Amino acid sequence: MNPYHQMASLYHINDANNKTNLFIYDTETHIEESKILETPELLDYNTCIAQLPDGELFCFGNSQLSGITLKISSDFQVQALPSGQPVSLSSAIYFNRSVYCFGGSNGKKALKLSERFDLDQNCWIKLTPMPRADDGCHLVIFKQIFLISRYRDSNLLLYSIENDSFNTIPYEFAERKRKILINAERLYLIECGNGKIYESGLGDEYTWKQIASSIIEFKFPSQAYCVYNKGGVYIANSSNKRYYKFDLHQKLMIEI
């Protein structure tokens, strides 16, 4: 099953007015609502979010570098979990009762962080470190493999869940640009900063071809969240609270 199916809402967080503000954008109704969460510490746009089953959210890290780790229920109740490494700008994704987290920053340098939070055992488990330190990565999953975009070089990473190992995939296009990855029957990659959009199959070749160039200039300094719904991929920019839709049929990006 495509990991974006059955997730019709986008979530992102900021700390406006010195409060933890959670924003929810419903891609079915195109209505945004916001909730102020009672969290032990402020969460902000440097907090990474993973969507869990049953409408729950997993939140990790913040600009204060406390390692705060929380689970937010579908009715917005906050549960504190064991803290992780002090980090901001990490990236997270849910798979099979665990949340996998990669990369991040300690405020001075990027990290090789690679860990998973076991939701059943309620604990962090260390994984093989990333080959190179990075932050502001973006993740998708297919065939029990994570594909991880890099910011600090042009390569992509494959992480095998079964073998707990990384492989590097050359990517011949832009360097030092944040790259959004999308799994929607095929793989799509959007280069932030120039809006170029590339497509690849789900085989082992990972041959990318440019299919579109957005008229929107993307400048995502940290997190970007995606959901796939009704032939389109909806994207939330955590830093400026804007929403976009990439129409997979027309190969067109619009701001909504």
C-alpha atoms as a PDB file:
ATOM      1  CA  MET A   1       0.000   0.000   0.000  1.00  0.00           C
ATOM      2  CA  ASN A   2       1.218   3.479  -0.790  1.00  0.00           C
ATOM      3  CA  PRO A   3       2.282   5.053   2.536  1.00  0.00           C
ATOM      4  CA  TYR A   4       0.476   8.302   1.732  1.00  0.00           C
ATOM      5  CA  HIS A   5      -2.945   6.673   1.238  1.00  0.00           C
ATOM      6  CA  GLN A   6      -5.522   7.173   4.009  1.00  0.00           C
ATOM      7  CA  MET A   7      -3.726  10.299   5.222  1.00  0.00           C
ATOM      8  CA  ALA A   8      -5.916  13.133   3.988  1.00  0.00           C
ATOM      9  CA  SER A   9      -4.569  15.826   6.328  1.00  0.00           C
ATOM     10  CA  LEU A  10      -1.343  17.801   6.445  1.00  0.00           C
ATOM     11  CA  TYR A  11       0.208  18.834   9.750  1.00  0.00           C
ATOM     12  CA  HIS A  12       2.869  21.351  10.671  1.00  0.00           C
ATOM     13  CA  ILE A  13       3.932  23.231  13.799  1.00  0.00           C
ATOM     14  CA  ASN A  14       5.209  26.672  14.717  1.00  0.00           C
ATOM     15  CA  ASP A  15       5.772  28.614  17.955  1.00  0.00           C
ATOM     16  CA  ALA A  16       3.961  31.871  17.195  1.00  0.00           C
ATOM     17  CA  ASN A  17       3.100  33.892  20.313  1.00  0.00           C
ATOM     18  CA  ASN A  18       5.388  31.618  22.332  1.00  0.00           C
ATOM     19  CA  LYS A  19       2.963  28.701  22.117  1.00  0.00           C
ATOM     20  CA  THR A  20       3.049  25.329  20.364  1.00  0.00           C
ATOM     21  CA  ASN A  21       0.661  25.773  17.446  1.00  0.00           C
ATOM     22  CA  LEU A  22      -0.397  22.722  15.468  1.00  0.00           C
ATOM     23  CA  PHE A  23      -1.931  23.413  12.051  1.00  0.00           C
ATOM     24  CA  ILE A  24      -4.083  20.834  10.267  1.00  0.00           C
ATOM     25  CA  TYR A  25      -4.987  21.225   6.602  1.00  0.00           C
ATOM     26  CA  ASP A  26      -7.726  18.894   5.323  1.00  0.00           C
ATOM     27  CA  THR A  27      -7.038  18.069   1.658  1.00  0.00           C
ATOM     28  CA  GLU A  28     -10.639  16.874   1.209  1.00  0.00           C
ATOM     29  CA  THR A  29     -12.352  20.063   2.354  1.00  0.00           C
ATOM     30  CA  HIS A  30      -9.394  22.478   1.898  1.00  0.00           C
ATOM     31  CA  ILE A  31     -10.045  23.845   5.370  1.00  0.00           C
ATOM     32  CA  GLU A  32      -7.261  24.670   7.816  1.00  0.00           C
ATOM     33  CA  GLU A  33      -7.685  24.600  11.569  1.00  0.00           C
ATOM     34  CA  SER A  34      -5.211  25.176  14.353  1.00  0.00           C
ATOM     35  CA  LYS A  35      -4.798  23.926  17.883  1.00  0.00           C
ATOM     36  CA  ILE A  36      -2.665  25.260  20.721  1.00  0.00           C
ATOM     37  CA  LEU A  37      -1.013  22.284  22.388  1.00  0.00           C
ATOM     38  CA  GLU A  38      -0.007  22.090  26.034  1.00  0.00           C
ATOM     39  CA  THR A  39       3.535  20.744  25.589  1.00  0.00           C
ATOM     40  CA  PRO A  40       6.334  20.508  28.202  1.00  0.00           C
ATOM     41  CA  GLU A  41       8.510  22.656  25.934  1.00  0.00           C
ATOM     42  CA  LEU A  42       7.835  24.689  22.830  1.00  0.00           C
ATOM     43  CA  LEU A  43       7.717  22.809  19.555  1.00  0.00           C
ATOM     44  CA  ASP A  44       8.494  24.806  16.397  1.00  0.00           C
ATOM     45  CA  TYR A  45       9.184  24.495  12.680  1.00  0.00           C
ATOM     46  CA  ASN A  46      12.438  22.665  13.506  1.00  0.00           C
ATOM     47  CA  THR A  47      10.387  19.882  15.128  1.00  0.00           C
ATOM     48  CA  CYS A  48       9.971  16.859  12.880  1.00  0.00           C
ATOM     49  CA  ILE A  49       6.605  15.103  12.634  1.00  0.00           C
ATOM     50  CA  ALA A  50       5.683  11.560  11.630  1.00  0.00           C
ATOM     51  CA  GLN A  51       2.059  10.620  11.043  1.00  0.00           C
ATOM     52  CA  LEU A  52       1.019   7.480  12.932  1.00  0.00           C
ATOM     53  CA  PRO A  53      -2.019   5.256  12.369  1.00  0.00           C
ATOM     54  CA  ASP A  54      -5.363   6.334  13.832  1.00  0.00           C
ATOM     55  CA  GLY A  55      -4.643  10.029  13.418  1.00  0.00           C
ATOM     56  CA  GLU A  56      -1.813  10.219  15.963  1.00  0.00           C
ATOM     57  CA  LEU A  57       1.390  12.233  15.519  1.00  0.00           C
ATOM     58  CA  PHE A  58       4.961  11.613  16.655  1.00  0.00           C
ATOM     59  CA  CYS A  59       6.999  14.779  17.295  1.00  0.00           C
ATOM     60  CA  PHE A  60      10.744  14.935  17.897  1.00  0.00           C
ATOM     61  CA  GLY A  61      13.234  17.749  18.531  1.00  0.00           C
ATOM     62  CA  ASN A  62      13.026  21.548  18.528  1.00  0.00           C
ATOM     63  CA  SER A  63      15.175  24.649  18.253  1.00  0.00           C
ATOM     64  CA  GLN A  64      16.038  24.396  21.973  1.00  0.00           C
ATOM     65  CA  LEU A  65      17.838  21.079  21.262  1.00  0.00           C
ATOM     66  CA  SER A  66      16.251  19.267  24.196  1.00  0.00           C
ATOM     67  CA  GLY A  67      15.543  15.950  22.469  1.00  0.00           C
ATOM     68  CA  ILE A  68      11.878  16.320  23.382  1.00  0.00           C
ATOM     69  CA  THR A  69       9.768  13.428  22.081  1.00  0.00           C
ATOM     70  CA  LEU A  70       5.972  13.490  22.176  1.00  0.00           C
ATOM     71  CA  LYS A  71       2.970  11.605  20.879  1.00  0.00           C
ATOM     72  CA  ILE A  72      -0.166  13.591  20.095  1.00  0.00           C
ATOM     73  CA  SER A  73      -3.457  11.733  20.017  1.00  0.00           C
ATOM     74  CA  SER A  74      -6.231  12.292  17.492  1.00  0.00           C
ATOM     75  CA  ASP A  75      -8.047  14.417  20.107  1.00  0.00           C
ATOM     76  CA  PHE A  76      -4.856  16.485  20.668  1.00  0.00           C
ATOM     77  CA  GLN A  77      -3.835  15.030  24.016  1.00  0.00           C
ATOM     78  CA  VAL A  78      -0.069  15.208  24.524  1.00  0.00           C
ATOM     79  CA  GLN A  79       1.915  12.234  25.861  1.00  0.00           C
ATOM     80  CA  ALA A  80       5.588  12.665  26.778  1.00  0.00           C
ATOM     81  CA  LEU A  81       7.874   9.863  25.539  1.00  0.00           C
ATOM     82  CA  PRO A  82      11.510   9.137  26.478  1.00  0.00           C
ATOM     83  CA  SER A  83      13.718  11.915  25.106  1.00  0.00           C
ATOM     84  CA  GLY A  84      16.013  11.335  22.156  1.00  0.00           C
ATOM     85  CA  GLN A  85      19.257  13.043  21.179  1.00  0.00           C
ATOM     86  CA  PRO A  86      19.368  16.842  21.485  1.00  0.00           C
ATOM     87  CA  VAL A  87      18.530  17.752  17.908  1.00  0.00           C
ATOM     88  CA  SER A  88      16.657  20.037  15.550  1.00  0.00           C
ATOM     89  CA  LEU A  89      15.916  19.597  11.843  1.00  0.00           C
ATOM     90  CA  SER A  90      15.738  15.820  12.025  1.00  0.00           C
ATOM     91  CA  SER A  91      13.448  13.876   9.673  1.00  0.00           C
ATOM     92  CA  ALA A  92      11.060  11.080  10.652  1.00  0.00           C
ATOM     93  CA  ILE A  93       8.836   8.452   9.062  1.00  0.00           C
ATOM     94  CA  TYR A  94       6.565   5.721  10.461  1.00  0.00           C
ATOM     95  CA  PHE A  95       6.856   2.064   9.515  1.00  0.00           C
ATOM     96  CA  ASN A  96       5.680  -1.111  11.250  1.00  0.00           C
ATOM     97  CA  ARG A  97       5.222   0.157  14.824  1.00  0.00           C
ATOM     98  CA  SER A  98       8.421   2.212  14.774  1.00  0.00           C
ATOM     99  CA  VAL A  99       9.349   5.768  13.863  1.00  0.00           C
ATOM    100  CA  TYR A 100      12.663   6.060  12.015  1.00  0.00           C
ATOM    101  CA  CYS A 101      14.611   9.309  12.412  1.00  0.00           C
ATOM    102  CA  PHE A 102      17.569  10.406  10.288  1.00  0.00           C
ATOM    103  CA  GLY A 103      19.918  13.374  10.397  1.00  0.00           C
ATOM    104  CA  GLY A 104      19.549  16.657  12.209  1.00  0.00           C
ATOM    105  CA  SER A 105      21.605  19.436  13.745  1.00  0.00           C
ATOM    106  CA  ASN A 106      22.942  20.092  17.232  1.00  0.00           C
ATOM    107  CA  GLY A 107      22.969  23.834  16.587  1.00  0.00           C
ATOM    108  CA  LYS A 108      26.613  23.868  15.489  1.00  0.00           C
ATOM    109  CA  LYS A 109      26.897  21.077  12.952  1.00  0.00           C
ATOM    110  CA  ALA A 110      24.880  18.451  11.117  1.00  0.00           C
ATOM    111  CA  LEU A 111      24.598  14.967  12.617  1.00  0.00           C
ATOM    112  CA  LYS A 112      24.770  11.368  11.405  1.00  0.00           C
ATOM    113  CA  LEU A 113      21.789  10.529  13.606  1.00  0.00           C
ATOM    114  CA  SER A 114      20.059   7.282  12.672  1.00  0.00           C
ATOM    115  CA  GLU A 115      17.648   5.839  15.242  1.00  0.00           C
ATOM    116  CA  ARG A 116      14.183   4.392  15.536  1.00  0.00           C
ATOM    117  CA  PHE A 117      11.627   4.800  18.286  1.00  0.00           C
ATOM    118  CA  ASP A 118       9.876   1.515  19.080  1.00  0.00           C
ATOM    119  CA  LEU A 119       6.281   2.406  19.910  1.00  0.00           C
ATOM    120  CA  ASP A 120       5.624  -0.940  21.618  1.00  0.00           C
ATOM    121  CA  GLN A 121       8.751  -0.957  23.789  1.00  0.00           C
ATOM    122  CA  ASN A 122       8.579   2.830  24.279  1.00  0.00           C
ATOM    123  CA  CYS A 123      12.295   3.350  23.715  1.00  0.00           C
ATOM    124  CA  TRP A 124      14.890   4.622  21.254  1.00  0.00           C
ATOM    125  CA  ILE A 125      17.037   2.073  19.398  1.00  0.00           C
ATOM    126  CA  LYS A 126      20.263   3.105  17.667  1.00  0.00           C
ATOM    127  CA  LEU A 127      20.776   2.173  14.026  1.00  0.00           C
ATOM    128  CA  THR A 128      23.819   2.283  11.762  1.00  0.00           C
ATOM    129  CA  PRO A 129      24.853   5.955  11.534  1.00  0.00           C
ATOM    130  CA  MET A 130      24.326   7.807   8.273  1.00  0.00           C
ATOM    131  CA  PRO A 131      27.439   7.745   6.041  1.00  0.00           C
ATOM    132  CA  ARG A 132      27.625  11.544   6.164  1.00  0.00           C
ATOM    133  CA  ALA A 133      26.132  14.085   8.516  1.00  0.00           C
ATOM    134  CA  ASP A 134      23.133  15.975   7.174  1.00  0.00           C
ATOM    135  CA  ASP A 135      20.033  17.866   8.278  1.00  0.00           C
ATOM    136  CA  GLY A 136      16.732  18.822   6.705  1.00  0.00           C
ATOM    137  CA  CYS A 137      16.506  15.533   4.815  1.00  0.00           C
ATOM    138  CA  HIS A 138      13.288  14.174   3.326  1.00  0.00           C
ATOM    139  CA  LEU A 139      12.138  10.539   3.392  1.00  0.00           C
ATOM    140  CA  VAL A 140       9.890   8.160   1.511  1.00  0.00           C
ATOM    141  CA  ILE A 141       9.453   4.416   1.898  1.00  0.00           C
ATOM    142  CA  PHE A 142       8.875   1.666  -0.654  1.00  0.00           C
ATOM    143  CA  LYS A 143       9.626  -2.083  -0.645  1.00  0.00           C
ATOM    144  CA  GLN A 144      10.826  -1.836   2.986  1.00  0.00           C
ATOM    145  CA  ILE A 145      13.542   0.579   1.903  1.00  0.00           C
ATOM    146  CA  PHE A 146      13.821   4.243   2.778  1.00  0.00           C
ATOM    147  CA  LEU A 147      14.964   6.707   0.148  1.00  0.00           C
ATOM    148  CA  ILE A 148      16.550   9.724   1.805  1.00  0.00           C
ATOM    149  CA  SER A 149      17.300  13.028   0.083  1.00  0.00           C
ATOM    150  CA  ARG A 150      20.430  14.916   1.062  1.00  0.00           C
ATOM    151  CA  TYR A 151      20.953  18.634   1.466  1.00  0.00           C
ATOM    152  CA  ARG A 152      24.725  18.879   1.808  1.00  0.00           C
ATOM    153  CA  ASP A 153      25.554  16.947  -1.367  1.00  0.00           C
ATOM    154  CA  SER A 154      23.742  15.796  -4.471  1.00  0.00           C
ATOM    155  CA  ASN A 155      23.513  12.105  -3.623  1.00  0.00           C
ATOM    156  CA  LEU A 156      20.486  10.209  -2.365  1.00  0.00           C
ATOM    157  CA  LEU A 157      20.655   7.451   0.241  1.00  0.00           C
ATOM    158  CA  LEU A 158      18.935   4.085   0.393  1.00  0.00           C
ATOM    159  CA  TYR A 159      18.418   2.626   3.856  1.00  0.00           C
ATOM    160  CA  SER A 160      17.533  -1.069   4.123  1.00  0.00           C
ATOM    161  CA  ILE A 161      15.346  -1.842   7.129  1.00  0.00           C
ATOM    162  CA  GLU A 162      16.173  -5.549   6.891  1.00  0.00           C
ATOM    163  CA  ASN A 163      19.951  -5.104   6.803  1.00  0.00           C
ATOM    164  CA  ASP A 164      20.270  -1.838   8.764  1.00  0.00           C
ATOM    165  CA  SER A 165      22.592  -0.520   6.067  1.00  0.00           C
ATOM    166  CA  PHE A 166      22.969   2.417   3.695  1.00  0.00           C
ATOM    167  CA  ASN A 167      23.785   2.634   0.005  1.00  0.00           C
ATOM    168  CA  THR A 168      24.442   5.821  -1.949  1.00  0.00           C
ATOM    169  CA  ILE A 169      22.640   6.618  -5.201  1.00  0.00           C
ATOM    170  CA  PRO A 170      24.241   9.246  -7.432  1.00  0.00           C
ATOM    171  CA  TYR A 171      21.929  12.125  -8.333  1.00  0.00           C
ATOM    172  CA  GLU A 172      23.324  14.207 -11.153  1.00  0.00           C
ATOM    173  CA  PHE A 173      21.283  17.367 -10.786  1.00  0.00           C
ATOM    174  CA  ALA A 174      21.366  20.237  -8.282  1.00  0.00           C
ATOM    175  CA  GLU A 175      23.702  20.151  -5.294  1.00  0.00           C
ATOM    176  CA  ARG A 176      23.091  21.743  -1.911  1.00  0.00           C
ATOM    177  CA  LYS A 177      19.381  22.169  -2.465  1.00  0.00           C
ATOM    178  CA  ARG A 178      16.715  20.691  -0.264  1.00  0.00           C
ATOM    179  CA  LYS A 179      14.865  18.011  -2.151  1.00  0.00           C
ATOM    180  CA  ILE A 180      11.305  16.836  -1.481  1.00  0.00           C
ATOM    181  CA  LEU A 181      10.660  13.168  -2.248  1.00  0.00           C
ATOM    182  CA  ILE A 182       7.214  11.805  -3.097  1.00  0.00           C
ATOM    183  CA  ASN A 183       6.098   8.170  -3.472  1.00  0.00           C
ATOM    184  CA  ALA A 184       2.868   8.116  -5.480  1.00  0.00           C
ATOM    185  CA  GLU A 185       3.042   4.966  -7.631  1.00  0.00           C
ATOM    186  CA  ARG A 186       6.232   6.484  -9.034  1.00  0.00           C
ATOM    187  CA  LEU A 187       8.973   8.435  -7.309  1.00  0.00           C
ATOM    188  CA  TYR A 188       8.994  12.198  -7.683  1.00  0.00           C
ATOM    189  CA  LEU A 189      11.648  14.673  -6.572  1.00  0.00           C
ATOM    190  CA  ILE A 190      11.204  18.436  -6.266  1.00  0.00           C
ATOM    191  CA  GLU A 191      14.275  20.637  -5.985  1.00  0.00           C
ATOM    192  CA  CYS A 192      13.627  23.475  -3.571  1.00  0.00           C
ATOM    193  CA  GLY A 193      14.921  26.809  -4.806  1.00  0.00           C
ATOM    194  CA  ASN A 194      14.250  26.235  -8.485  1.00  0.00           C
ATOM    195  CA  GLY A 195      11.064  24.142  -8.450  1.00  0.00           C
ATOM    196  CA  LYS A 196      12.294  21.573 -10.979  1.00  0.00           C
ATOM    197  CA  ILE A 197      10.386  18.303 -10.750  1.00  0.00           C
ATOM    198  CA  TYR A 198      11.839  14.913 -11.650  1.00  0.00           C
ATOM    199  CA  GLU A 199      10.298  11.459 -11.982  1.00  0.00           C
ATOM    200  CA  SER A 200      11.679   7.940 -11.573  1.00  0.00           C
ATOM    201  CA  GLY A 201      10.271   4.428 -11.536  1.00  0.00           C
ATOM    202  CA  LEU A 202      10.274   2.191  -8.468  1.00  0.00           C
ATOM    203  CA  GLY A 203      12.814  -0.247  -9.891  1.00  0.00           C
ATOM    204  CA  ASP A 204      16.509  -0.518  -9.087  1.00  0.00           C
ATOM    205  CA  GLU A 205      17.856   1.921 -11.682  1.00  0.00           C
ATOM    206  CA  TYR A 206      16.658   5.223 -10.164  1.00  0.00           C
ATOM    207  CA  THR A 207      16.954   7.022 -13.473  1.00  0.00           C
ATOM    208  CA  TRP A 208      15.508  10.508 -13.103  1.00  0.00           C
ATOM    209  CA  LYS A 209      14.024  12.642 -15.843  1.00  0.00           C
ATOM    210  CA  GLN A 210      12.725  16.178 -15.559  1.00  0.00           C
ATOM    211  CA  ILE A 211       8.977  16.316 -16.168  1.00  0.00           C
ATOM    212  CA  ALA A 212       8.062  19.830 -15.086  1.00  0.00           C
ATOM    213  CA  SER A 213       9.385  23.103 -13.774  1.00  0.00           C
ATOM    214  CA  SER A 214       7.218  24.845 -11.239  1.00  0.00           C
ATOM    215  CA  ILE A 215       6.493  28.527 -11.572  1.00  0.00           C
ATOM    216  CA  ILE A 216       6.667  28.595  -7.781  1.00  0.00           C
ATOM    217  CA  GLU A 217      10.092  29.221  -6.270  1.00  0.00           C
ATOM    218  CA  PHE A 218      10.366  26.819  -3.370  1.00  0.00           C
ATOM    219  CA  LYS A 219      12.442  27.926  -0.406  1.00  0.00           C
ATOM    220  CA  PHE A 220      11.984  25.339   2.326  1.00  0.00           C
ATOM    221  CA  PRO A 221      14.563  25.988   5.052  1.00  0.00           C
ATOM    222  CA  SER A 222      13.612  22.961   7.112  1.00  0.00           C
ATOM    223  CA  GLN A 223      10.633  20.628   7.014  1.00  0.00           C
ATOM    224  CA  ALA A 224       8.143  19.946   4.242  1.00  0.00           C
ATOM    225  CA  TYR A 225       5.270  17.506   4.770  1.00  0.00           C
ATOM    226  CA  CYS A 226       3.420  15.661   2.028  1.00  0.00           C
ATOM    227  CA  VAL A 227       0.272  13.597   1.659  1.00  0.00           C
ATOM    228  CA  TYR A 228      -0.993  11.878  -1.478  1.00  0.00           C
ATOM    229  CA  ASN A 229      -4.714  12.196  -2.117  1.00  0.00           C
ATOM    230  CA  LYS A 230      -6.933  11.937  -5.219  1.00  0.00           C
ATOM    231  CA  GLY A 231      -4.275  12.215  -7.883  1.00  0.00           C
ATOM    232  CA  GLY A 232      -2.370  15.004  -6.218  1.00  0.00           C
ATOM    233  CA  VAL A 233       0.384  15.463  -3.693  1.00  0.00           C
ATOM    234  CA  TYR A 234      -0.270  18.156  -1.101  1.00  0.00           C
ATOM    235  CA  ILE A 235       2.740  19.834   0.495  1.00  0.00           C
ATOM    236  CA  ALA A 236       2.936  21.964   3.641  1.00  0.00           C
ATOM    237  CA  ASN A 237       5.838  24.358   4.132  1.00  0.00           C
ATOM    238  CA  SER A 238       6.480  24.508   7.858  1.00  0.00           C
ATOM    239  CA  SER A 239       8.349  27.812   7.785  1.00  0.00           C
ATOM    240  CA  ASN A 240       5.842  30.058   6.006  1.00  0.00           C
ATOM    241  CA  LYS A 241       2.568  28.125   6.535  1.00  0.00           C
ATOM    242  CA  ARG A 242       1.831  27.815   2.845  1.00  0.00           C
ATOM    243  CA  TYR A 243       0.292  24.850   1.059  1.00  0.00           C
ATOM    244  CA  TYR A 244       0.903  23.527  -2.428  1.00  0.00           C
ATOM    245  CA  LYS A 245      -0.557  20.860  -4.667  1.00  0.00           C
ATOM    246  CA  PHE A 246       1.347  18.899  -7.297  1.00  0.00           C
ATOM    247  CA  ASP A 247      -1.165  17.492  -9.794  1.00  0.00           C
ATOM    248  CA  LEU A 248       0.284  14.183 -10.960  1.00  0.00           C
ATOM    249  CA  HIS A 249      -1.813  14.082 -14.130  1.00  0.00           C
ATOM    250  CA  GLN A 250      -1.153  17.610 -15.363  1.00  0.00           C
ATOM    251  CA  LYS A 251       2.379  17.684 -13.872  1.00  0.00           C
ATOM    252  CA  LEU A 252       1.530  21.085 -12.449  1.00  0.00           C
ATOM    253  CA  MET A 253       2.377  22.715  -9.110  1.00  0.00           C
ATOM    254  CA  ILE A 254       0.011  25.287  -7.655  1.00  0.00           C
ATOM    255  CA  GLU A 255      -0.234  27.192  -4.386  1.00  0.00           C
ATOM    256  CA  ILE A 256      -3.528  26.620  -2.582  1.00  0.00           C
END
